[in-house]
Amino acid sequence: MHALKIPFSLLVLLVYFWMAPVFAADIAAGEQKAATCMGCHGPQGKSKSPQWPNLAAQQASYIVSQLHAFKSGTRNNPMMQSMAANLSDDDINNLAAYYSTQPAVSAGGDAALEKTGQTKASMCLGCHGASAEGNGQFPRLAGQHPDYLVKQLNSFKEKVRQNGHMQAIANMLSEDDMKALAAYFGSL
């Protein structure tokens, strides 16, 4: 079996066209539009409540895909569906550009659980990045509220959120595993 060799210039071009909508986005317009998001997601995307995710430093392409999922109804959350319903593609790209450029935040986590979570984290890092910083369509986990992460893992396990790979991973995790992983990722 031979590895496919793609010239670097072609790879750069492919990445550019894949990310072009986000690169062309208007960060200042995203910041203005984000004023309506602050009540839940906090100033600069740094949520004070574990009920809502931090958006600061989140992957732009992930934000775009999730806002489109809320808008189309393929991701179910009545509040977010109503918020996304009237967003244009430009609004979505601008919001993604704005939040992705904000400084990362750490939500912290239970110190005792962090060490246990660190020993289990390798199963997540292949997709979510070596430091859980996110990777394109795979969201940033680092600095996320532990309670929010546990809620999302349970949503995958209960098939409320649809993603075959994440459902398989979540089904392998006990509630204690979820809490430990969430504490570790929240501490980053």
Protein backbone atom coordinates (compact mmCIF):
# COMPACT_ATOMS: atom_id res chain seq x y z
CA MET A 1 0.00 0.00 0.00
CA HIS A 2 1.39 3.39 -0.98
CA ALA A 3 0.73 6.60 0.87
CA LEU A 4 -0.99 9.28 -1.16
CA LYS A 5 1.41 12.17 -1.66
CA ILE A 6 -0.23 15.53 -2.02
CA PRO A 7 1.99 18.44 -3.00
CA PHE A 8 2.22 20.99 -0.20
CA SER A 9 0.94 23.80 -2.43
CA LEU A 10 -2.17 21.76 -3.27
CA LEU A 11 -2.72 21.00 0.41
CA VAL A 12 -2.49 24.72 1.28
CA LEU A 13 -4.95 25.51 -1.50
CA LEU A 14 -7.41 22.86 -0.30
CA VAL A 15 -7.24 24.11 3.30
CA TYR A 16 -7.71 27.69 2.09
CA PHE A 17 -10.88 26.85 0.14
CA TRP A 18 -12.21 24.77 3.04
CA MET A 19 -11.62 27.62 5.49
CA ALA A 20 -12.18 30.54 3.06
CA PRO A 21 -15.57 31.55 4.46
CA VAL A 22 -14.07 31.92 7.94
CA PHE A 23 -10.95 33.71 6.65
CA ALA A 24 -13.16 36.18 4.80
CA ALA A 25 -15.24 36.87 7.89
CA ASP A 26 -15.46 40.24 9.58
CA ILE A 27 -14.30 39.92 13.21
CA ALA A 28 -15.61 43.39 14.13
CA ALA A 29 -19.06 42.50 12.76
CA GLY A 30 -18.88 39.24 14.72
CA GLU A 31 -18.11 41.16 17.88
CA GLN A 32 -21.16 43.37 17.35
CA LYS A 33 -23.40 40.38 16.64
CA ALA A 34 -21.99 38.60 19.73
CA ALA A 35 -23.66 41.18 21.98
CA THR A 36 -26.80 39.04 21.82
CA CYS A 37 -24.80 35.97 22.90
CA MET A 38 -23.25 37.53 26.01
CA GLY A 39 -26.13 36.77 28.34
CA CYS A 40 -25.30 33.07 28.23
CA HIS A 41 -21.82 32.77 26.73
CA GLY A 42 -20.33 35.76 28.56
CA PRO A 43 -18.18 38.64 27.39
CA GLN A 44 -15.69 37.50 24.74
CA GLY A 45 -17.25 34.01 24.89
CA LYS A 46 -16.17 33.34 28.47
CA SER A 47 -19.28 31.91 30.10
CA LYS A 48 -19.61 32.30 33.85
CA SER A 49 -22.22 29.53 34.02
CA PRO A 50 -21.39 25.84 33.63
CA GLN A 51 -24.76 25.49 31.93
CA TRP A 52 -23.40 27.14 28.76
CA PRO A 53 -20.16 26.52 26.90
CA ASN A 54 -17.20 28.82 26.63
CA LEU A 55 -16.87 29.95 23.03
CA ALA A 56 -13.56 31.78 23.44
CA ALA A 57 -10.84 30.19 21.27
CA GLN A 58 -13.29 27.59 19.94
CA GLN A 59 -12.58 26.26 16.45
CA ALA A 60 -14.21 28.56 13.89
CA SER A 61 -15.30 25.71 11.64
CA TYR A 62 -16.91 23.96 14.63
CA ILE A 63 -18.87 27.10 15.55
CA VAL A 64 -20.01 27.42 11.92
CA SER A 65 -21.16 23.80 11.75
CA GLN A 66 -22.99 23.97 15.09
CA LEU A 67 -24.78 27.24 14.30
CA HIS A 68 -25.90 25.72 10.99
CA ALA A 69 -27.04 22.60 12.86
CA PHE A 70 -29.07 24.70 15.30
CA LYS A 71 -30.49 26.77 12.44
CA SER A 72 -31.56 23.70 10.45
CA GLY A 73 -32.87 21.89 13.52
CA THR A 74 -30.46 18.96 13.23
CA ARG A 75 -29.11 19.90 16.66
CA ASN A 76 -31.93 20.29 19.12
CA ASN A 77 -31.83 23.13 21.61
CA PRO A 78 -34.85 25.45 21.56
CA MET A 79 -32.92 28.50 22.79
CA MET A 80 -30.07 28.08 20.31
CA GLN A 81 -32.45 27.19 17.49
CA SER A 82 -34.31 30.47 18.02
CA MET A 83 -31.04 32.41 18.28
CA ALA A 84 -29.64 30.87 15.08
CA ALA A 85 -32.86 31.01 13.06
CA ASN A 86 -32.30 34.51 11.73
CA LEU A 87 -28.52 34.40 11.35
CA SER A 88 -27.24 34.80 7.80
CA ASP A 89 -24.23 32.83 6.58
CA ASP A 90 -22.18 36.02 6.97
CA ASP A 91 -23.40 36.43 10.56
CA ILE A 92 -22.43 32.84 11.34
CA ASN A 93 -18.98 33.21 9.78
CA ASN A 94 -18.42 36.55 11.53
CA LEU A 95 -19.42 35.12 14.92
CA ALA A 96 -17.13 32.13 14.37
CA ALA A 97 -14.23 34.37 13.40
CA TYR A 98 -14.78 36.59 16.44
CA TYR A 99 -15.04 33.82 19.01
CA SER A 100 -12.18 31.79 17.55
CA THR A 101 -9.82 34.76 17.98
CA GLN A 102 -10.64 35.39 21.64
CA PRO A 103 -8.09 34.31 24.26
CA ALA A 104 -8.63 30.85 25.68
CA VAL A 105 -10.00 30.47 29.17
CA SER A 106 -9.74 27.71 31.76
CA ALA A 107 -12.92 26.77 33.60
CA GLY A 108 -10.98 24.73 36.15
CA GLY A 109 -11.91 21.34 37.45
CA ASP A 110 -11.84 19.11 40.51
CA ALA A 111 -8.12 18.58 41.21
CA ALA A 112 -8.63 15.03 42.46
CA LEU A 113 -10.52 14.05 39.31
CA GLU A 114 -8.10 15.82 36.95
CA LYS A 115 -5.36 13.21 37.39
CA THR A 116 -7.76 10.35 36.69
CA GLY A 117 -9.11 12.19 33.67
CA GLN A 118 -5.62 12.80 32.32
CA THR A 119 -4.99 9.03 32.25
CA LYS A 120 -8.13 8.54 30.11
CA ALA A 121 -7.78 11.60 27.86
CA SER A 122 -5.74 9.96 25.08
CA MET A 123 -8.94 8.48 23.60
CA CYS A 124 -10.12 12.05 22.93
CA LEU A 125 -6.94 13.74 21.78
CA GLY A 126 -6.67 12.07 18.38
CA CYS A 127 -9.68 14.05 17.16
CA HIS A 128 -9.79 17.00 19.55
CA GLY A 129 -6.08 17.89 19.23
CA ALA A 130 -2.97 17.00 21.20
CA SER A 131 -3.79 19.62 23.85
CA ALA A 132 -7.58 19.37 23.44
CA GLU A 133 -7.44 22.71 21.60
CA GLY A 134 -9.81 21.43 18.93
CA ASN A 135 -9.14 20.43 15.37
CA GLY A 136 -11.31 21.90 12.63
CA GLN A 137 -14.74 20.29 12.95
CA PHE A 138 -13.74 18.78 16.30
CA PRO A 139 -14.38 21.23 19.15
CA ARG A 140 -11.99 22.63 21.68
CA LEU A 141 -12.41 20.79 24.99
CA ALA A 142 -9.64 22.60 26.85
CA GLY A 143 -11.01 25.12 29.32
CA GLN A 144 -14.62 24.03 28.88
CA HIS A 145 -16.89 23.86 31.92
CA PRO A 146 -16.72 20.31 33.33
CA ASP A 147 -20.49 20.20 33.98
CA TYR A 148 -21.15 21.23 30.38
CA LEU A 149 -18.83 18.51 29.06
CA VAL A 150 -20.51 15.84 31.20
CA LYS A 151 -23.92 17.02 29.96
CA GLN A 152 -22.75 16.75 26.33
CA LEU A 153 -21.24 13.29 26.84
CA ASN A 154 -24.52 12.14 28.37
CA SER A 155 -26.39 13.67 25.43
CA PHE A 156 -24.30 11.55 23.07
CA LYS A 157 -24.76 8.46 25.23
CA GLU A 158 -28.54 8.98 25.32
CA LYS A 159 -28.58 9.72 21.55
CA VAL A 160 -29.96 13.22 22.12
CA ARG A 161 -26.95 14.44 20.12
CA GLN A 162 -26.27 12.48 16.96
CA ASN A 163 -22.72 11.51 16.08
CA GLY A 164 -21.87 7.84 15.69
CA HIS A 165 -18.27 8.14 16.81
CA MET A 166 -19.09 10.22 19.88
CA GLN A 167 -22.00 7.96 20.76
CA ALA A 168 -19.65 4.96 20.66
CA ILE A 169 -17.09 6.74 22.87
CA ALA A 170 -19.73 7.95 25.34
CA ASN A 171 -21.22 4.46 25.60
CA MET A 172 -17.84 3.17 26.82
CA LEU A 173 -17.68 5.76 29.62
CA SER A 174 -19.12 5.48 33.09
CA GLU A 175 -20.46 8.58 34.81
CA ASP A 176 -17.23 8.66 36.87
CA ASP A 177 -15.14 8.47 33.67
CA MET A 178 -17.10 11.38 32.22
CA LYS A 179 -16.59 13.48 35.33
CA ALA A 180 -12.87 12.73 35.41
CA LEU A 181 -12.37 13.55 31.73
CA ALA A 182 -14.42 16.72 32.08
CA ALA A 183 -12.40 17.83 35.14
CA TYR A 184 -9.16 17.28 33.25
CA PHE A 185 -10.26 19.13 30.12
CA GLY A 186 -11.75 21.94 32.18
CA SER A 187 -8.42 22.41 33.94
CA LEU A 188 -6.48 23.00 30.71
